[in-house]
Amino acid sequence: MSQESPSGSAGAEKSFEEKVTEVIEMVRPALQGHGGDVQLVGVNDDKTVQVRLQGACQGCPGAAMTMKMGIERILKEKVPEVKEVVAVA
């Protein structure tokens, strides 16, 4: 009785980008609760994560703090290989 998954990834490691995406989806509701949002733009080979702050987060004076003390801290905790999180326009 073997169970095959369509992608063949039954026990495979998730990619770096998949792990990052999962964590971004975890933090989004907190930002959305304050009228903001975050979008994953991409990940670089050096493990830098690029995100775009949206809604109330865009241009907010606390956005830099949200980025470093919130999103980056949680990402590094859940995905230790993350080097840095940077906001892009």
PDB file of N, CA and C in Angstrom:
ATOM      1  N   MET A   1       0.815  -1.197   0.000  1.00  0.00           N
ATOM      2  CA  MET A   1       0.000   0.000   0.000  1.00  0.00           C
ATOM      3  C   MET A   1       0.850   1.250   0.000  1.00  0.00           C
ATOM      4  N   SER A   2       1.255   1.675  -1.122  1.00  0.00           N
ATOM      5  CA  SER A   2       2.072   2.890  -1.167  1.00  0.00           C
ATOM      6  C   SER A   2       1.192   4.067  -1.540  1.00  0.00           C
ATOM      7  N   GLN A   3       1.475   5.198  -0.903  1.00  0.00           N
ATOM      8  CA  GLN A   3       0.728   6.415  -1.217  1.00  0.00           C
ATOM      9  C   GLN A   3       1.650   7.343  -1.986  1.00  0.00           C
ATOM     10  N   GLU A   4       1.217   7.689  -3.166  1.00  0.00           N
ATOM     11  CA  GLU A   4       2.025   8.593  -3.971  1.00  0.00           C
ATOM     12  C   GLU A   4       1.380   9.959  -3.995  1.00  0.00           C
ATOM     13  N   SER A   5       2.203  10.978  -3.844  1.00  0.00           N
ATOM     14  CA  SER A   5       1.670  12.328  -3.985  1.00  0.00           C
ATOM     15  C   SER A   5       1.967  12.788  -5.400  1.00  0.00           C
ATOM     16  N   PRO A   6       1.101  13.610  -5.950  1.00  0.00           N
ATOM     17  CA  PRO A   6       1.286  14.056  -7.337  1.00  0.00           C
ATOM     18  C   PRO A   6       2.637  14.724  -7.576  1.00  0.00           C
ATOM     19  N   SER A   7       3.145  15.420  -6.582  1.00  0.00           N
ATOM     20  CA  SER A   7       4.409  16.113  -6.789  1.00  0.00           C
ATOM     21  C   SER A   7       5.595  15.240  -6.430  1.00  0.00           C
ATOM     22  N   GLY A   8       5.330  14.065  -5.850  1.00  0.00           N
ATOM     23  CA  GLY A   8       6.414  13.175  -5.471  1.00  0.00           C
ATOM     24  C   GLY A   8       7.166  13.661  -4.254  1.00  0.00           C
ATOM     25  N   SER A   9       6.578  14.554  -3.473  1.00  0.00           N
ATOM     26  CA  SER A   9       7.279  15.142  -2.334  1.00  0.00           C
ATOM     27  C   SER A   9       6.724  14.650  -0.999  1.00  0.00           C
ATOM     28  N   ALA A  10       6.378  13.379  -0.930  1.00  0.00           N
ATOM     29  CA  ALA A  10       5.762  12.834   0.279  1.00  0.00           C
ATOM     30  C   ALA A  10       6.547  13.186   1.532  1.00  0.00           C
ATOM     31  N   GLY A  11       7.845  13.003   1.517  1.00  0.00           N
ATOM     32  CA  GLY A  11       8.632  13.325   2.700  1.00  0.00           C
ATOM     33  C   GLY A  11       9.762  14.276   2.378  1.00  0.00           C
ATOM     34  N   ALA A  12       9.683  14.923   1.236  1.00  0.00           N
ATOM     35  CA  ALA A  12      10.772  15.783   0.789  1.00  0.00           C
ATOM     36  C   ALA A  12      10.841  17.070   1.603  1.00  0.00           C
ATOM     37  N   GLU A  13      12.051  17.601   1.718  1.00  0.00           N
ATOM     38  CA  GLU A  13      12.272  18.892   2.382  1.00  0.00           C
ATOM     39  C   GLU A  13      11.607  19.978   1.562  1.00  0.00           C
ATOM     40  N   LYS A  14      11.054  20.952   2.249  1.00  0.00           N
ATOM     41  CA  LYS A  14      10.496  22.105   1.560  1.00  0.00           C
ATOM     42  C   LYS A  14      11.646  23.002   1.120  1.00  0.00           C
ATOM     43  N   SER A  15      11.422  23.700   0.019  1.00  0.00           N
ATOM     44  CA  SER A  15      12.434  24.637  -0.457  1.00  0.00           C
ATOM     45  C   SER A  15      12.487  25.845   0.476  1.00  0.00           C
ATOM     46  N   PHE A  16      13.570  26.579   0.390  1.00  0.00           N
ATOM     47  CA  PHE A  16      13.738  27.790   1.195  1.00  0.00           C
ATOM     48  C   PHE A  16      12.559  28.734   0.953  1.00  0.00           C
ATOM     49  N   GLU A  17      12.203  28.923  -0.308  1.00  0.00           N
ATOM     50  CA  GLU A  17      11.113  29.843  -0.641  1.00  0.00           C
ATOM     51  C   GLU A  17       9.777  29.348  -0.084  1.00  0.00           C
ATOM     52  N   GLU A  18       9.542  28.037  -0.109  1.00  0.00           N
ATOM     53  CA  GLU A  18       8.300  27.495   0.449  1.00  0.00           C
ATOM     54  C   GLU A  18       8.218  27.742   1.955  1.00  0.00           C
ATOM     55  N   LYS A  19       9.330  27.561   2.643  1.00  0.00           N
ATOM     56  CA  LYS A  19       9.350  27.802   4.091  1.00  0.00           C
ATOM     57  C   LYS A  19       9.061  29.269   4.389  1.00  0.00           C
ATOM     58  N   VAL A  20       9.703  30.157   3.638  1.00  0.00           N
ATOM     59  CA  VAL A  20       9.504  31.594   3.822  1.00  0.00           C
ATOM     60  C   VAL A  20       8.047  31.957   3.551  1.00  0.00           C
ATOM     61  N   THR A  21       7.479  31.421   2.486  1.00  0.00           N
ATOM     62  CA  THR A  21       6.088  31.701   2.139  1.00  0.00           C
ATOM     63  C   THR A  21       5.153  31.292   3.271  1.00  0.00           C
ATOM     64  N   GLU A  22       5.388  30.135   3.870  1.00  0.00           N
ATOM     65  CA  GLU A  22       4.543  29.674   4.972  1.00  0.00           C
ATOM     66  C   GLU A  22       4.583  30.649   6.150  1.00  0.00           C
ATOM     67  N   VAL A  23       5.764  31.143   6.471  1.00  0.00           N
ATOM     68  CA  VAL A  23       5.892  32.067   7.603  1.00  0.00           C
ATOM     69  C   VAL A  23       5.239  33.407   7.266  1.00  0.00           C
ATOM     70  N   ILE A  24       5.423  33.891   6.049  1.00  0.00           N
ATOM     71  CA  ILE A  24       4.782  35.142   5.627  1.00  0.00           C
ATOM     72  C   ILE A  24       3.268  35.003   5.781  1.00  0.00           C
ATOM     73  N   GLU A  25       2.722  33.869   5.389  1.00  0.00           N
ATOM     74  CA  GLU A  25       1.279  33.647   5.511  1.00  0.00           C
ATOM     75  C   GLU A  25       0.852  33.620   6.979  1.00  0.00           C
ATOM     76  N   MET A  26       1.737  33.208   7.873  1.00  0.00           N
ATOM     77  CA  MET A  26       1.436  33.193   9.306  1.00  0.00           C
ATOM     78  C   MET A  26       1.353  34.608   9.878  1.00  0.00           C
ATOM     79  N   VAL A  27       2.218  35.518   9.411  1.00  0.00           N
ATOM     80  CA  VAL A  27       2.249  36.874   9.977  1.00  0.00           C
ATOM     81  C   VAL A  27       1.261  37.831   9.315  1.00  0.00           C
ATOM     82  N   ARG A  28       0.779  37.480   8.145  1.00  0.00           N
ATOM     83  CA  ARG A  28      -0.127  38.378   7.407  1.00  0.00           C
ATOM     84  C   ARG A  28      -1.377  38.760   8.196  1.00  0.00           C
ATOM     85  N   PRO A  29      -2.046  37.827   8.867  1.00  0.00           N
ATOM     86  CA  PRO A  29      -3.271  38.210   9.587  1.00  0.00           C
ATOM     87  C   PRO A  29      -3.046  39.305  10.635  1.00  0.00           C
ATOM     88  N   ALA A  30      -1.907  39.290  11.303  1.00  0.00           N
ATOM     89  CA  ALA A  30      -1.620  40.328  12.300  1.00  0.00           C
ATOM     90  C   ALA A  30      -1.504  41.692  11.627  1.00  0.00           C
ATOM     91  N   LEU A  31      -0.848  41.737  10.493  1.00  0.00           N
ATOM     92  CA  LEU A  31      -0.713  43.004   9.761  1.00  0.00           C
ATOM     93  C   LEU A  31      -2.069  43.440   9.200  1.00  0.00           C
ATOM     94  N   GLN A  32      -2.826  42.483   8.688  1.00  0.00           N
ATOM     95  CA  GLN A  32      -4.130  42.799   8.111  1.00  0.00           C
ATOM     96  C   GLN A  32      -5.086  43.322   9.178  1.00  0.00           C
ATOM     97  N   GLY A  33      -4.905  42.869  10.408  1.00  0.00           N
ATOM     98  CA  GLY A  33      -5.727  43.342  11.508  1.00  0.00           C
ATOM     99  C   GLY A  33      -5.514  44.811  11.817  1.00  0.00           C
ATOM    100  N   HIS A  34      -4.400  45.361  11.328  1.00  0.00           N
ATOM    101  CA  HIS A  34      -4.084  46.777  11.529  1.00  0.00           C
ATOM    102  C   HIS A  34      -4.194  47.558  10.221  1.00  0.00           C
ATOM    103  N   GLY A  35      -4.835  46.953   9.223  1.00  0.00           N
ATOM    104  CA  GLY A  35      -5.057  47.646   7.957  1.00  0.00           C
ATOM    105  C   GLY A  35      -3.896  47.548   6.986  1.00  0.00           C
ATOM    106  N   GLY A  36      -2.913  46.727   7.285  1.00  0.00           N
ATOM    107  CA  GLY A  36      -1.758  46.586   6.409  1.00  0.00           C
ATOM    108  C   GLY A  36      -1.688  45.196   5.803  1.00  0.00           C
ATOM    109  N   ASP A  37      -0.590  44.935   5.149  1.00  0.00           N
ATOM    110  CA  ASP A  37      -0.364  43.609   4.565  1.00  0.00           C
ATOM    111  C   ASP A  37       1.098  43.524   4.150  1.00  0.00           C
ATOM    112  N   VAL A  38       1.530  42.310   3.864  1.00  0.00           N
ATOM    113  CA  VAL A  38       2.886  42.088   3.380  1.00  0.00           C
ATOM    114  C   VAL A  38       2.811  41.087   2.236  1.00  0.00           C
ATOM    115  N   GLN A  39       3.607  41.339   1.215  1.00  0.00           N
ATOM    116  CA  GLN A  39       3.655  40.463   0.048  1.00  0.00           C
ATOM    117  C   GLN A  39       5.087  39.994  -0.129  1.00  0.00           C
ATOM    118  N   LEU A  40       5.279  38.699  -0.315  1.00  0.00           N
ATOM    119  CA  LEU A  40       6.606  38.166  -0.614  1.00  0.00           C
ATOM    120  C   LEU A  40       6.928  38.494  -2.062  1.00  0.00           C
ATOM    121  N   VAL A  41       7.995  39.241  -2.269  1.00  0.00           N
ATOM    122  CA  VAL A  41       8.419  39.600  -3.625  1.00  0.00           C
ATOM    123  C   VAL A  41       9.329  38.515  -4.169  1.00  0.00           C
ATOM    124  N   GLY A  42      10.246  38.039  -3.325  1.00  0.00           N
ATOM    125  CA  GLY A  42      11.147  36.987  -3.763  1.00  0.00           C
ATOM    126  C   GLY A  42      12.234  36.722  -2.746  1.00  0.00           C
ATOM    127  N   VAL A  43      13.027  35.709  -3.055  1.00  0.00           N
ATOM    128  CA  VAL A  43      14.185  35.378  -2.225  1.00  0.00           C
ATOM    129  C   VAL A  43      15.410  35.347  -3.124  1.00  0.00           C
ATOM    130  N   ASN A  44      16.534  35.793  -2.574  1.00  0.00           N
ATOM    131  CA  ASN A  44      17.782  35.815  -3.328  1.00  0.00           C
ATOM    132  C   ASN A  44      18.635  34.609  -2.970  1.00  0.00           C
ATOM    133  N   ASP A  45      19.627  34.327  -3.799  1.00  0.00           N
ATOM    134  CA  ASP A  45      20.529  33.203  -3.556  1.00  0.00           C
ATOM    135  C   ASP A  45      21.270  33.333  -2.230  1.00  0.00           C
ATOM    136  N   ASP A  46      21.470  34.568  -1.778  1.00  0.00           N
ATOM    137  CA  ASP A  46      22.192  34.776  -0.509  1.00  0.00           C
ATOM    138  C   ASP A  46      21.252  34.679   0.701  1.00  0.00           C
ATOM    139  N   LYS A  47      20.020  34.205   0.465  1.00  0.00           N
ATOM    140  CA  LYS A  47      19.013  34.000   1.522  1.00  0.00           C
ATOM    141  C   LYS A  47      18.445  35.300   2.075  1.00  0.00           C
ATOM    142  N   THR A  48      18.501  36.367   1.272  1.00  0.00           N
ATOM    143  CA  THR A  48      17.836  37.614   1.607  1.00  0.00           C
ATOM    144  C   THR A  48      16.402  37.516   1.094  1.00  0.00           C
ATOM    145  N   VAL A  49      15.466  37.917   1.931  1.00  0.00           N
ATOM    146  CA  VAL A  49      14.044  37.849   1.583  1.00  0.00           C
ATOM    147  C   VAL A  49      13.561  39.255   1.251  1.00  0.00           C
ATOM    148  N   GLN A  50      12.893  39.399   0.117  1.00  0.00           N
ATOM    149  CA  GLN A  50      12.354  40.692  -0.298  1.00  0.00           C
ATOM    150  C   GLN A  50      10.847  40.678  -0.118  1.00  0.00           C
ATOM    151  N   VAL A  51      10.345  41.687   0.604  1.00  0.00           N
ATOM    152  CA  VAL A  51       8.904  41.803   0.820  1.00  0.00           C
ATOM    153  C   VAL A  51       8.451  43.213   0.474  1.00  0.00           C
ATOM    154  N   ARG A  52       7.162  43.342   0.230  1.00  0.00           N
ATOM    155  CA  ARG A  52       6.569  44.651  -0.039  1.00  0.00           C
ATOM    156  C   ARG A  52       5.471  44.864   0.999  1.00  0.00           C
ATOM    157  N   LEU A  53       5.615  45.943   1.775  1.00  0.00           N
ATOM    158  CA  LEU A  53       4.572  46.301   2.733  1.00  0.00           C
ATOM    159  C   LEU A  53       3.471  47.022   1.987  1.00  0.00           C
ATOM    160  N   GLN A  54       2.211  46.725   2.361  1.00  0.00           N
ATOM    161  CA  GLN A  54       1.078  47.293   1.639  1.00  0.00           C
ATOM    162  C   GLN A  54       0.060  47.867   2.614  1.00  0.00           C
ATOM    163  N   GLY A  55      -0.892  48.572   2.085  1.00  0.00           N
ATOM    164  CA  GLY A  55      -1.973  49.131   2.897  1.00  0.00           C
ATOM    165  C   GLY A  55      -1.433  50.128   3.908  1.00  0.00           C
ATOM    166  N   ALA A  56      -1.933  50.040   5.136  1.00  0.00           N
ATOM    167  CA  ALA A  56      -1.534  50.974   6.184  1.00  0.00           C
ATOM    168  C   ALA A  56      -0.052  50.866   6.516  1.00  0.00           C
ATOM    169  N   CYS A  57       0.571  49.719   6.210  1.00  0.00           N
ATOM    170  CA  CYS A  57       2.002  49.534   6.503  1.00  0.00           C
ATOM    171  C   CYS A  57       2.875  50.386   5.578  1.00  0.00           C
ATOM    172  N   GLN A  58       2.370  50.652   4.389  1.00  0.00           N
ATOM    173  CA  GLN A  58       3.134  51.402   3.400  1.00  0.00           C
ATOM    174  C   GLN A  58       3.269  52.848   3.862  1.00  0.00           C
ATOM    175  N   GLY A  59       4.490  53.275   4.097  1.00  0.00           N
ATOM    176  CA  GLY A  59       4.730  54.643   4.520  1.00  0.00           C
ATOM    177  C   GLY A  59       4.479  54.901   5.997  1.00  0.00           C
ATOM    178  N   CYS A  60       4.117  53.883   6.748  1.00  0.00           N
ATOM    179  CA  CYS A  60       3.874  54.041   8.189  1.00  0.00           C
ATOM    180  C   CYS A  60       5.194  54.292   8.900  1.00  0.00           C
ATOM    181  N   PRO A  61       5.221  55.220   9.865  1.00  0.00           N
ATOM    182  CA  PRO A  61       6.461  55.483  10.599  1.00  0.00           C
ATOM    183  C   PRO A  61       7.004  54.247  11.326  1.00  0.00           C
ATOM    184  N   GLY A  62       6.137  53.326  11.691  1.00  0.00           N
ATOM    185  CA  GLY A  62       6.573  52.115  12.387  1.00  0.00           C
ATOM    186  C   GLY A  62       6.920  50.967  11.460  1.00  0.00           C
ATOM    187  N   ALA A  63       6.886  51.206  10.150  1.00  0.00           N
ATOM    188  CA  ALA A  63       7.118  50.122   9.187  1.00  0.00           C
ATOM    189  C   ALA A  63       8.503  49.496   9.328  1.00  0.00           C
ATOM    190  N   ALA A  64       9.524  50.308   9.564  1.00  0.00           N
ATOM    191  CA  ALA A  64      10.879  49.766   9.714  1.00  0.00           C
ATOM    192  C   ALA A  64      10.959  48.860  10.936  1.00  0.00           C
ATOM    193  N   MET A  65      10.291  49.269  12.003  1.00  0.00           N
ATOM    194  CA  MET A  65      10.263  48.451  13.219  1.00  0.00           C
ATOM    195  C   MET A  65       9.488  47.160  12.960  1.00  0.00           C
ATOM    196  N   THR A  66       8.388  47.261  12.246  1.00  0.00           N
ATOM    197  CA  THR A  66       7.602  46.070  11.901  1.00  0.00           C
ATOM    198  C   THR A  66       8.447  45.103  11.098  1.00  0.00           C
ATOM    199  N   MET A  67       9.230  45.654  10.161  1.00  0.00           N
ATOM    200  CA  MET A  67      10.077  44.815   9.315  1.00  0.00           C
ATOM    201  C   MET A  67      11.128  44.067  10.129  1.00  0.00           C
ATOM    202  N   LYS A  68      11.888  44.801  10.924  1.00  0.00           N
ATOM    203  CA  LYS A  68      13.035  44.202  11.628  1.00  0.00           C
ATOM    204  C   LYS A  68      12.635  43.435  12.874  1.00  0.00           C
ATOM    205  N   MET A  69      11.795  44.025  13.704  1.00  0.00           N
ATOM    206  CA  MET A  69      11.452  43.393  14.974  1.00  0.00           C
ATOM    207  C   MET A  69      10.286  42.420  14.845  1.00  0.00           C
ATOM    208  N   GLY A  70       9.567  42.504  13.752  1.00  0.00           N
ATOM    209  CA  GLY A  70       8.424  41.624  13.553  1.00  0.00           C
ATOM    210  C   GLY A  70       8.714  40.570  12.501  1.00  0.00           C
ATOM    211  N   ILE A  71       8.589  40.964  11.262  1.00  0.00           N
ATOM    212  CA  ILE A  71       8.696  40.021  10.145  1.00  0.00           C
ATOM    213  C   ILE A  71      10.062  39.335  10.119  1.00  0.00           C
ATOM    214  N   GLU A  72      11.151  40.111  10.180  1.00  0.00           N
ATOM    215  CA  GLU A  72      12.489  39.516  10.101  1.00  0.00           C
ATOM    216  C   GLU A  72      12.764  38.609  11.301  1.00  0.00           C
ATOM    217  N   ARG A  73      12.382  39.047  12.485  1.00  0.00           N
ATOM    218  CA  ARG A  73      12.633  38.245  13.692  1.00  0.00           C
ATOM    219  C   ARG A  73      11.908  36.902  13.609  1.00  0.00           C
ATOM    220  N   ILE A  74      10.646  36.937  13.211  1.00  0.00           N
ATOM    221  CA  ILE A  74       9.864  35.706  13.119  1.00  0.00           C
ATOM    222  C   ILE A  74      10.401  34.804  12.013  1.00  0.00           C
ATOM    223  N   LEU A  75      10.741  35.393  10.873  1.00  0.00           N
ATOM    224  CA  LEU A  75      11.287  34.591   9.773  1.00  0.00           C
ATOM    225  C   LEU A  75      12.587  33.901  10.183  1.00  0.00           C
ATOM    226  N   LYS A  76      13.484  34.634  10.840  1.00  0.00           N
ATOM    227  CA  LYS A  76      14.762  34.038  11.260  1.00  0.00           C
ATOM    228  C   LYS A  76      14.555  32.955  12.312  1.00  0.00           C
ATOM    229  N   GLU A  77      13.543  33.127  13.135  1.00  0.00           N
ATOM    230  CA  GLU A  77      13.235  32.137  14.166  1.00  0.00           C
ATOM    231  C   GLU A  77      12.716  30.839  13.530  1.00  0.00           C
ATOM    232  N   LYS A  78      11.833  30.978  12.549  1.00  0.00           N
ATOM    233  CA  LYS A  78      11.204  29.813  11.915  1.00  0.00           C
ATOM    234  C   LYS A  78      12.037  29.226  10.779  1.00  0.00           C
ATOM    235  N   VAL A  79      12.816  30.089  10.103  1.00  0.00           N
ATOM    236  CA  VAL A  79      13.649  29.655   8.974  1.00  0.00           C
ATOM    237  C   VAL A  79      15.054  30.227   9.223  1.00  0.00           C
ATOM    238  N   PRO A  80      15.864  29.517  10.028  1.00  0.00           N
ATOM    239  CA  PRO A  80      17.161  30.053  10.466  1.00  0.00           C
ATOM    240  C   PRO A  80      18.116  30.476   9.353  1.00  0.00           C
ATOM    241  N   GLU A  81      17.955  29.930   8.154  1.00  0.00           N
ATOM    242  CA  GLU A  81      18.874  30.297   7.064  1.00  0.00           C
ATOM    243  C   GLU A  81      18.591  31.681   6.469  1.00  0.00           C
ATOM    244  N   VAL A  82      17.506  32.329   6.882  1.00  0.00           N
ATOM    245  CA  VAL A  82      17.216  33.690   6.406  1.00  0.00           C
ATOM    246  C   VAL A  82      18.339  34.617   6.881  1.00  0.00           C
ATOM    247  N   LYS A  83      18.926  35.342   5.924  1.00  0.00           N
ATOM    248  CA  LYS A  83      20.013  36.284   6.234  1.00  0.00           C
ATOM    249  C   LYS A  83      19.443  37.630   6.663  1.00  0.00           C
ATOM    250  N   GLU A  84      18.496  38.135   5.879  1.00  0.00           N
ATOM    251  CA  GLU A  84      17.948  39.470   6.117  1.00  0.00           C
ATOM    252  C   GLU A  84      16.618  39.596   5.378  1.00  0.00           C
ATOM    253  N   VAL A  85      15.779  40.489   5.882  1.00  0.00           N
ATOM    254  CA  VAL A  85      14.521  40.812   5.203  1.00  0.00           C
ATOM    255  C   VAL A  85      14.593  42.280   4.798  1.00  0.00           C
ATOM    256  N   VAL A  86      14.343  42.542   3.531  1.00  0.00           N
ATOM    257  CA  VAL A  86      14.386  43.923   3.046  1.00  0.00           C
ATOM    258  C   VAL A  86      13.071  44.274   2.375  1.00  0.00           C
ATOM    259  N   ALA A  87      12.651  45.521   2.559  1.00  0.00           N
ATOM    260  CA  ALA A  87      11.437  46.017   1.917  1.00  0.00           C
ATOM    261  C   ALA A  87      11.783  46.598   0.566  1.00  0.00           C
ATOM    262  N   VAL A  88      10.977  46.277  -0.421  1.00  0.00           N
ATOM    263  CA  VAL A  88      11.160  46.845  -1.756  1.00  0.00           C
ATOM    264  C   VAL A  88       9.895  47.623  -2.120  1.00  0.00           C
ATOM    265  N   ALA A  89      10.060  48.570  -2.999  1.00  0.00           N
ATOM    266  CA  ALA A  89       8.915  49.411  -3.400  1.00  0.00           C
ATOM    267  C   ALA A  89       8.057  48.716  -4.415  1.00  0.00           C
TER     268      ALA A  89
END
